[in-house]
């Protein structure tokens, strides 16, 4: 993901204005729960940066760009824990 994903209809100044609007909308918010807002926040974040939104979740082995995916964390004891990471 990056600058090469800018849509043809959004210029760099347009992206900067969208980013500022995004920051103003979300700055200083308190009391909301992460699970209640993370999908909306991340989708608006992608929109503000003029990049494509995450793909629908599917096969955990190929979920490279989704809202939430499972990552495996190796433990010191040799075991593996499943954790989650957003976007």
PDB file of N, CA and C in Angstrom:
ATOM      1  N   UNK A   1       0.844  -1.160   0.000  1.00  0.00           N
ATOM      2  CA  UNK A   1       0.000   0.000   0.000  1.00  0.00           C
ATOM      3  C   UNK A   1       0.892   1.225   0.000  1.00  0.00           C
ATOM      4  N   UNK A   2       0.487   2.239  -0.714  1.00  0.00           N
ATOM      5  CA  UNK A   2       1.302   3.428  -0.684  1.00  0.00           C
ATOM      6  C   UNK A   2       0.839   4.458  -1.675  1.00  0.00           C
ATOM      7  N   UNK A   3       1.733   5.399  -1.970  1.00  0.00           N
ATOM      8  CA  UNK A   3       1.397   6.510  -2.849  1.00  0.00           C
ATOM      9  C   UNK A   3       1.010   6.037  -4.239  1.00  0.00           C
ATOM     10  N   UNK A   4       1.511   4.875  -4.664  1.00  0.00           N
ATOM     11  CA  UNK A   4       1.162   4.379  -5.981  1.00  0.00           C
ATOM     12  C   UNK A   4      -0.301   3.969  -6.063  1.00  0.00           C
ATOM     13  N   UNK A   5      -1.006   3.901  -4.940  1.00  0.00           N
ATOM     14  CA  UNK A   5      -2.417   3.545  -4.927  1.00  0.00           C
ATOM     15  C   UNK A   5      -3.340   4.759  -4.964  1.00  0.00           C
ATOM     16  N   UNK A   6      -2.805   5.965  -4.999  1.00  0.00           N
ATOM     17  CA  UNK A   6      -3.662   7.140  -5.051  1.00  0.00           C
ATOM     18  C   UNK A   6      -4.607   7.026  -6.233  1.00  0.00           C
ATOM     19  N   UNK A   7      -5.845   7.319  -6.001  1.00  0.00           N
ATOM     20  CA  UNK A   7      -6.797   7.276  -7.095  1.00  0.00           C
ATOM     21  C   UNK A   7      -6.523   8.428  -8.045  1.00  0.00           C
ATOM     22  N   UNK A   8      -6.884   8.249  -9.290  1.00  0.00           N
ATOM     23  CA  UNK A   8      -6.655   9.289 -10.285  1.00  0.00           C
ATOM     24  C   UNK A   8      -7.444  10.551  -9.979  1.00  0.00           C
ATOM     25  N   UNK A   9      -8.534  10.426  -9.242  1.00  0.00           N
ATOM     26  CA  UNK A   9      -9.394  11.575  -8.970  1.00  0.00           C
ATOM     27  C   UNK A   9      -8.940  12.371  -7.754  1.00  0.00           C
ATOM     28  N   UNK A  10      -7.974  11.866  -6.981  1.00  0.00           N
ATOM     29  CA  UNK A  10      -7.523  12.593  -5.799  1.00  0.00           C
ATOM     30  C   UNK A  10      -6.076  13.002  -5.945  1.00  0.00           C
ATOM     31  N   UNK A  11      -5.833  14.288  -5.902  1.00  0.00           N
ATOM     32  CA  UNK A  11      -4.479  14.830  -5.963  1.00  0.00           C
ATOM     33  C   UNK A  11      -3.864  14.790  -4.578  1.00  0.00           C
ATOM     34  N   UNK A  12      -2.577  15.052  -4.506  1.00  0.00           N
ATOM     35  CA  UNK A  12      -1.912  15.104  -3.211  1.00  0.00           C
ATOM     36  C   UNK A  12      -2.555  16.158  -2.301  1.00  0.00           C
ATOM     37  N   UNK A  13      -2.865  17.394  -2.780  1.00  0.00           N
ATOM     38  CA  UNK A  13      -3.555  18.353  -1.903  1.00  0.00           C
ATOM     39  C   UNK A  13      -4.915  17.830  -1.433  1.00  0.00           C
ATOM     40  N   UNK A  14      -5.617  17.096  -2.297  1.00  0.00           N
ATOM     41  CA  UNK A  14      -6.906  16.521  -1.904  1.00  0.00           C
ATOM     42  C   UNK A  14      -6.747  15.490  -0.806  1.00  0.00           C
ATOM     43  N   UNK A  15      -5.688  14.695  -0.894  1.00  0.00           N
ATOM     44  CA  UNK A  15      -5.414  13.692   0.130  1.00  0.00           C
ATOM     45  C   UNK A  15      -5.059  14.380   1.443  1.00  0.00           C
ATOM     46  N   UNK A  16      -4.266  15.443   1.377  1.00  0.00           N
ATOM     47  CA  UNK A  16      -3.907  16.170   2.598  1.00  0.00           C
ATOM     48  C   UNK A  16      -5.143  16.762   3.267  1.00  0.00           C
ATOM     49  N   UNK A  17      -6.049  17.336   2.482  1.00  0.00           N
ATOM     50  CA  UNK A  17      -7.286  17.894   3.044  1.00  0.00           C
ATOM     51  C   UNK A  17      -8.133  16.786   3.657  1.00  0.00           C
ATOM     52  N   UNK A  18      -8.210  15.627   2.986  1.00  0.00           N
ATOM     53  CA  UNK A  18      -8.985  14.503   3.517  1.00  0.00           C
ATOM     54  C   UNK A  18      -8.364  13.981   4.802  1.00  0.00           C
ATOM     55  N   UNK A  19      -7.030  13.942   4.858  1.00  0.00           N
ATOM     56  CA  UNK A  19      -6.347  13.488   6.068  1.00  0.00           C
ATOM     57  C   UNK A  19      -6.608  14.440   7.230  1.00  0.00           C
ATOM     58  N   UNK A  20      -6.591  15.732   6.966  1.00  0.00           N
ATOM     59  CA  UNK A  20      -6.869  16.718   8.017  1.00  0.00           C
ATOM     60  C   UNK A  20      -8.308  16.584   8.519  1.00  0.00           C
ATOM     61  N   UNK A  21      -9.245  16.354   7.607  1.00  0.00           N
ATOM     62  CA  UNK A  21     -10.645  16.168   8.010  1.00  0.00           C
ATOM     63  C   UNK A  21     -10.794  14.898   8.843  1.00  0.00           C
ATOM     64  N   UNK A  22     -10.088  13.847   8.452  1.00  0.00           N
ATOM     65  CA  UNK A  22     -10.121  12.589   9.197  1.00  0.00           C
ATOM     66  C   UNK A  22      -9.599  12.804  10.617  1.00  0.00           C
ATOM     67  N   UNK A  23      -8.471  13.482  10.743  1.00  0.00           N
ATOM     68  CA  UNK A  23      -7.888  13.753  12.062  1.00  0.00           C
ATOM     69  C   UNK A  23      -8.848  14.569  12.916  1.00  0.00           C
ATOM     70  N   UNK A  24      -9.445  15.591  12.329  1.00  0.00           N
ATOM     71  CA  UNK A  24     -10.383  16.435  13.078  1.00  0.00           C
ATOM     72  C   UNK A  24     -11.582  15.622  13.565  1.00  0.00           C
ATOM     73  N   UNK A  25     -12.056  14.692  12.736  1.00  0.00           N
ATOM     74  CA  UNK A  25     -13.230  13.880  13.105  1.00  0.00           C
ATOM     75  C   UNK A  25     -12.907  12.947  14.270  1.00  0.00           C
ATOM     76  N   UNK A  26     -11.716  12.353  14.279  1.00  0.00           N
ATOM     77  CA  UNK A  26     -11.405  11.325  15.254  1.00  0.00           C
ATOM     78  C   UNK A  26     -10.585  11.809  16.447  1.00  0.00           C
ATOM     79  N   UNK A  27     -10.000  12.950  16.378  1.00  0.00           N
ATOM     80  CA  UNK A  27      -9.140  13.437  17.452  1.00  0.00           C
ATOM     81  C   UNK A  27      -9.947  13.713  18.720  1.00  0.00           C
ATOM     82  N   UNK A  28      -9.415  13.283  19.861  1.00  0.00           N
ATOM     83  CA  UNK A  28     -10.024  13.587  21.149  1.00  0.00           C
ATOM     84  C   UNK A  28     -11.256  12.773  21.490  1.00  0.00           C
ATOM     85  N   UNK A  29     -11.565  11.755  20.728  1.00  0.00           N
ATOM     86  CA  UNK A  29     -12.734  10.913  21.035  1.00  0.00           C
ATOM     87  C   UNK A  29     -12.438  10.071  22.261  1.00  0.00           C
ATOM     88  N   UNK A  30     -13.374  10.028  23.175  1.00  0.00           N
ATOM     89  CA  UNK A  30     -13.222   9.219  24.377  1.00  0.00           C
ATOM     90  C   UNK A  30     -14.483   8.407  24.608  1.00  0.00           C
ATOM     91  N   UNK A  31     -14.326   7.297  25.291  1.00  0.00           N
ATOM     92  CA  UNK A  31     -15.473   6.511  25.716  1.00  0.00           C
ATOM     93  C   UNK A  31     -15.938   5.461  24.725  1.00  0.00           C
ATOM     94  N   UNK A  32     -15.504   5.516  23.477  1.00  0.00           N
ATOM     95  CA  UNK A  32     -15.905   4.504  22.510  1.00  0.00           C
ATOM     96  C   UNK A  32     -15.107   3.232  22.688  1.00  0.00           C
ATOM     97  N   UNK A  33     -15.711   2.134  22.349  1.00  0.00           N
ATOM     98  CA  UNK A  33     -15.011   0.863  22.447  1.00  0.00           C
ATOM     99  C   UNK A  33     -14.342   0.550  21.110  1.00  0.00           C
ATOM    100  N   UNK A  34     -13.157  -0.041  21.175  1.00  0.00           N
ATOM    101  CA  UNK A  34     -12.409  -0.364  19.962  1.00  0.00           C
ATOM    102  C   UNK A  34     -13.245  -1.224  19.020  1.00  0.00           C
ATOM    103  N   UNK A  35     -13.881  -2.243  19.519  1.00  0.00           N
ATOM    104  CA  UNK A  35     -14.669  -3.132  18.652  1.00  0.00           C
ATOM    105  C   UNK A  35     -15.829  -2.415  17.988  1.00  0.00           C
ATOM    106  N   UNK A  36     -16.334  -1.386  18.633  1.00  0.00           N
ATOM    107  CA  UNK A  36     -17.463  -0.652  18.065  1.00  0.00           C
ATOM    108  C   UNK A  36     -17.023   0.277  16.943  1.00  0.00           C
ATOM    109  N   UNK A  37     -15.783   0.726  16.958  1.00  0.00           N
ATOM    110  CA  UNK A  37     -15.350   1.763  16.019  1.00  0.00           C
ATOM    111  C   UNK A  37     -14.241   1.378  15.050  1.00  0.00           C
ATOM    112  N   UNK A  38     -13.560   0.272  15.273  1.00  0.00           N
ATOM    113  CA  UNK A  38     -12.356   0.043  14.483  1.00  0.00           C
ATOM    114  C   UNK A  38     -12.624  -0.118  12.990  1.00  0.00           C
ATOM    115  N   UNK A  39     -13.710  -0.781  12.614  1.00  0.00           N
ATOM    116  CA  UNK A  39     -14.012  -0.950  11.196  1.00  0.00           C
ATOM    117  C   UNK A  39     -14.254   0.385  10.506  1.00  0.00           C
ATOM    118  N   UNK A  40     -15.056   1.228  11.135  1.00  0.00           N
ATOM    119  CA  UNK A  40     -15.345   2.549  10.579  1.00  0.00           C
ATOM    120  C   UNK A  40     -14.081   3.399  10.527  1.00  0.00           C
ATOM    121  N   UNK A  41     -13.306   3.361  11.611  1.00  0.00           N
ATOM    122  CA  UNK A  41     -12.074   4.143  11.676  1.00  0.00           C
ATOM    123  C   UNK A  41     -11.117   3.734  10.555  1.00  0.00           C
ATOM    124  N   UNK A  42     -10.892   2.439  10.393  1.00  0.00           N
ATOM    125  CA  UNK A  42      -9.933   1.977   9.386  1.00  0.00           C
ATOM    126  C   UNK A  42     -10.412   2.239   7.964  1.00  0.00           C
ATOM    127  N   UNK A  43     -11.706   2.083   7.733  1.00  0.00           N
ATOM    128  CA  UNK A  43     -12.242   2.364   6.390  1.00  0.00           C
ATOM    129  C   UNK A  43     -12.093   3.850   6.065  1.00  0.00           C
ATOM    130  N   UNK A  44     -12.425   4.725   7.020  1.00  0.00           N
ATOM    131  CA  UNK A  44     -12.266   6.164   6.808  1.00  0.00           C
ATOM    132  C   UNK A  44     -10.789   6.537   6.666  1.00  0.00           C
ATOM    133  N   UNK A  45      -9.929   5.845   7.390  1.00  0.00           N
ATOM    134  CA  UNK A  45      -8.485   6.076   7.280  1.00  0.00           C
ATOM    135  C   UNK A  45      -8.003   5.775   5.863  1.00  0.00           C
ATOM    136  N   UNK A  46      -8.430   4.651   5.317  1.00  0.00           N
ATOM    137  CA  UNK A  46      -8.062   4.298   3.939  1.00  0.00           C
ATOM    138  C   UNK A  46      -8.605   5.324   2.951  1.00  0.00           C
ATOM    139  N   UNK A  47      -9.827   5.746   3.167  1.00  0.00           N
ATOM    140  CA  UNK A  47     -10.433   6.751   2.292  1.00  0.00           C
ATOM    141  C   UNK A  47      -9.662   8.064   2.354  1.00  0.00           C
ATOM    142  N   UNK A  48      -9.285   8.479   3.551  1.00  0.00           N
ATOM    143  CA  UNK A  48      -8.532   9.726   3.708  1.00  0.00           C
ATOM    144  C   UNK A  48      -7.185   9.660   3.003  1.00  0.00           C
ATOM    145  N   UNK A  49      -6.585   8.481   2.962  1.00  0.00           N
ATOM    146  CA  UNK A  49      -5.299   8.305   2.294  1.00  0.00           C
ATOM    147  C   UNK A  49      -5.454   7.969   0.808  1.00  0.00           C
ATOM    148  N   UNK A  50      -6.694   7.862   0.361  1.00  0.00           N
ATOM    149  CA  UNK A  50      -7.003   7.533  -1.031  1.00  0.00           C
ATOM    150  C   UNK A  50      -6.389   6.203  -1.451  1.00  0.00           C
ATOM    151  N   UNK A  51      -6.476   5.214  -0.552  1.00  0.00           N
ATOM    152  CA  UNK A  51      -6.055   3.863  -0.891  1.00  0.00           C
ATOM    153  C   UNK A  51      -7.259   2.943  -0.795  1.00  0.00           C
ATOM    154  N   UNK A  52      -7.171   1.808  -1.454  1.00  0.00           N
ATOM    155  CA  UNK A  52      -8.315   0.896  -1.466  1.00  0.00           C
ATOM    156  C   UNK A  52      -8.562   0.347  -0.065  1.00  0.00           C
ATOM    157  N   UNK A  53      -9.819   0.081   0.247  1.00  0.00           N
ATOM    158  CA  UNK A  53     -10.139  -0.495   1.562  1.00  0.00           C
ATOM    159  C   UNK A  53      -9.685  -1.951   1.614  1.00  0.00           C
ATOM    160  N   UNK A  54      -9.634  -2.529   2.801  1.00  0.00           N
ATOM    161  CA  UNK A  54      -9.234  -3.927   2.933  1.00  0.00           C
ATOM    162  C   UNK A  54     -10.152  -4.872   2.162  1.00  0.00           C
ATOM    163  N   UNK A  55      -9.594  -6.021   1.829  1.00  0.00           N
ATOM    164  CA  UNK A  55     -10.347  -7.066   1.146  1.00  0.00           C
ATOM    165  C   UNK A  55     -11.266  -7.778   2.135  1.00  0.00           C
ATOM    166  N   UNK A  56     -12.317  -8.430   1.639  1.00  0.00           N
ATOM    167  CA  UNK A  56     -13.122  -9.267   2.532  1.00  0.00           C
ATOM    168  C   UNK A  56     -12.263 -10.420   3.066  1.00  0.00           C
ATOM    169  N   UNK A  57     -12.508 -10.813   4.300  1.00  0.00           N
ATOM    170  CA  UNK A  57     -11.766 -11.925   4.885  1.00  0.00           C
ATOM    171  C   UNK A  57     -12.140 -13.220   4.183  1.00  0.00           C
ATOM    172  N   UNK A  58     -11.192 -14.101   4.126  1.00  0.00           N
ATOM    173  CA  UNK A  58     -11.401 -15.408   3.514  1.00  0.00           C
ATOM    174  C   UNK A  58     -10.483 -16.419   4.162  1.00  0.00           C
ATOM    175  N   UNK A  59      -9.746 -17.134   3.345  1.00  0.00           N
ATOM    176  CA  UNK A  59      -8.803 -18.137   3.813  1.00  0.00           C
ATOM    177  C   UNK A  59      -7.735 -17.486   4.679  1.00  0.00           C
ATOM    178  N   UNK A  60      -7.587 -17.909   5.934  1.00  0.00           N
ATOM    179  CA  UNK A  60      -6.604 -17.289   6.821  1.00  0.00           C
ATOM    180  C   UNK A  60      -5.173 -17.317   6.277  1.00  0.00           C
ATOM    181  N   UNK A  61      -4.862 -18.268   5.416  1.00  0.00           N
ATOM    182  CA  UNK A  61      -3.512 -18.358   4.851  1.00  0.00           C
ATOM    183  C   UNK A  61      -3.253 -17.282   3.803  1.00  0.00           C
ATOM    184  N   UNK A  62      -4.315 -16.701   3.231  1.00  0.00           N
ATOM    185  CA  UNK A  62      -4.131 -15.705   2.167  1.00  0.00           C
ATOM    186  C   UNK A  62      -4.709 -14.342   2.523  1.00  0.00           C
ATOM    187  N   UNK A  63      -5.125 -14.152   3.767  1.00  0.00           N
ATOM    188  CA  UNK A  63      -5.662 -12.868   4.214  1.00  0.00           C
ATOM    189  C   UNK A  63      -4.531 -11.872   4.423  1.00  0.00           C
ATOM    190  N   UNK A  64      -4.032 -11.289   3.344  1.00  0.00           N
ATOM    191  CA  UNK A  64      -2.918 -10.355   3.460  1.00  0.00           C
ATOM    192  C   UNK A  64      -3.355  -8.939   3.804  1.00  0.00           C
ATOM    193  N   UNK A  65      -4.543  -8.551   3.387  1.00  0.00           N
ATOM    194  CA  UNK A  65      -4.981  -7.157   3.576  1.00  0.00           C
ATOM    195  C   UNK A  65      -6.465  -7.158   3.932  1.00  0.00           C
ATOM    196  N   UNK A  66      -6.754  -7.421   5.202  1.00  0.00           N
ATOM    197  CA  UNK A  66      -8.123  -7.488   5.711  1.00  0.00           C
ATOM    198  C   UNK A  66      -8.199  -6.680   7.004  1.00  0.00           C
ATOM    199  N   UNK A  67      -9.407  -6.434   7.478  1.00  0.00           N
ATOM    200  CA  UNK A  67      -9.562  -5.659   8.708  1.00  0.00           C
ATOM    201  C   UNK A  67      -8.890  -6.336   9.892  1.00  0.00           C
ATOM    202  N   UNK A  68      -9.038  -7.620  10.022  1.00  0.00           N
ATOM    203  CA  UNK A  68      -8.453  -8.326  11.152  1.00  0.00           C
ATOM    204  C   UNK A  68      -8.027  -9.709  10.686  1.00  0.00           C
ATOM    205  N   UNK A  69      -6.803 -10.083  11.010  1.00  0.00           N
ATOM    206  CA  UNK A  69      -6.369 -11.429  10.638  1.00  0.00           C
ATOM    207  C   UNK A  69      -5.612 -12.057  11.798  1.00  0.00           C
ATOM    208  N   UNK A  70      -5.516 -13.367  11.729  1.00  0.00           N
ATOM    209  CA  UNK A  70      -4.812 -14.127  12.756  1.00  0.00           C
ATOM    210  C   UNK A  70      -3.327 -14.148  12.410  1.00  0.00           C
ATOM    211  N   UNK A  71      -2.503 -13.902  13.408  1.00  0.00           N
ATOM    212  CA  UNK A  71      -1.058 -14.048  13.272  1.00  0.00           C
ATOM    213  C   UNK A  71      -0.603 -15.044  14.333  1.00  0.00           C
ATOM    214  N   UNK A  72       0.400 -15.821  13.989  1.00  0.00           N
ATOM    215  CA  UNK A  72       0.900 -16.827  14.928  1.00  0.00           C
ATOM    216  C   UNK A  72       2.128 -16.272  15.642  1.00  0.00           C
ATOM    217  N   UNK A  73       2.099 -16.377  16.963  1.00  0.00           N
ATOM    218  CA  UNK A  73       3.214 -15.894  17.776  1.00  0.00           C
ATOM    219  C   UNK A  73       3.910 -17.089  18.429  1.00  0.00           C
ATOM    220  N   UNK A  74       5.166 -17.324  18.037  1.00  0.00           N
ATOM    221  CA  UNK A  74       5.889 -18.428  18.670  1.00  0.00           C
ATOM    222  C   UNK A  74       6.217 -18.096  20.123  1.00  0.00           C
ATOM    223  N   UNK A  75       6.027 -19.054  20.994  1.00  0.00           N
ATOM    224  CA  UNK A  75       6.330 -18.868  22.410  1.00  0.00           C
ATOM    225  C   UNK A  75       7.714 -19.384  22.753  1.00  0.00           C
ATOM    226  N   UNK A  76       8.210 -18.959  23.867  1.00  0.00           N
ATOM    227  CA  UNK A  76       9.540 -19.403  24.319  1.00  0.00           C
ATOM    228  C   UNK A  76       9.578 -20.895  24.610  1.00  0.00           C
ATOM    229  N   UNK A  77       8.408 -21.434  24.950  1.00  0.00           N
ATOM    230  CA  UNK A  77       8.340 -22.860  25.271  1.00  0.00           C
ATOM    231  C   UNK A  77       8.173 -23.737  24.029  1.00  0.00           C
ATOM    232  N   UNK A  78       8.199 -23.122  22.850  1.00  0.00           N
ATOM    233  CA  UNK A  78       8.036 -23.878  21.606  1.00  0.00           C
ATOM    234  C   UNK A  78       6.607 -23.929  21.113  1.00  0.00           C
ATOM    235  N   UNK A  79       5.669 -23.508  21.938  1.00  0.00           N
ATOM    236  CA  UNK A  79       4.265 -23.482  21.525  1.00  0.00           C
ATOM    237  C   UNK A  79       3.988 -22.271  20.643  1.00  0.00           C
ATOM    238  N   UNK A  80       2.818 -22.258  20.074  1.00  0.00           N
ATOM    239  CA  UNK A  80       2.405 -21.159  19.204  1.00  0.00           C
ATOM    240  C   UNK A  80       1.053 -20.646  19.674  1.00  0.00           C
ATOM    241  N   UNK A  81       0.928 -19.308  19.804  1.00  0.00           N
ATOM    242  CA  UNK A  81      -0.339 -18.686  20.184  1.00  0.00           C
ATOM    243  C   UNK A  81      -0.902 -17.962  18.978  1.00  0.00           C
ATOM    244  N   UNK A  82      -2.200 -18.027  18.809  1.00  0.00           N
ATOM    245  CA  UNK A  82      -2.866 -17.250  17.778  1.00  0.00           C
ATOM    246  C   UNK A  82      -3.255 -15.903  18.345  1.00  0.00           C
ATOM    247  N   UNK A  83      -2.799 -14.850  17.695  1.00  0.00           N
ATOM    248  CA  UNK A  83      -3.124 -13.477  18.071  1.00  0.00           C
ATOM    249  C   UNK A  83      -3.861 -12.846  16.908  1.00  0.00           C
ATOM    250  N   UNK A  84      -4.295 -11.634  17.081  1.00  0.00           N
ATOM    251  CA  UNK A  84      -4.998 -10.912  16.002  1.00  0.00           C
ATOM    252  C   UNK A  84      -4.333  -9.576  15.776  1.00  0.00           C
ATOM    253  N   UNK A  85      -4.361  -9.143  14.528  1.00  0.00           N
ATOM    254  CA  UNK A  85      -3.809  -7.842  14.163  1.00  0.00           C
ATOM    255  C   UNK A  85      -4.817  -7.140  13.267  1.00  0.00           C
ATOM    256  N   UNK A  86      -4.985  -5.837  13.459  1.00  0.00           N
ATOM    257  CA  UNK A  86      -5.917  -5.055  12.649  1.00  0.00           C
ATOM    258  C   UNK A  86      -5.212  -4.523  11.415  1.00  0.00           C
ATOM    259  N   UNK A  87      -5.885  -4.652  10.297  1.00  0.00           N
ATOM    260  CA  UNK A  87      -5.457  -4.104   9.000  1.00  0.00           C
ATOM    261  C   UNK A  87      -4.022  -4.446   8.695  1.00  0.00           C
TER     262      UNK A  87
END
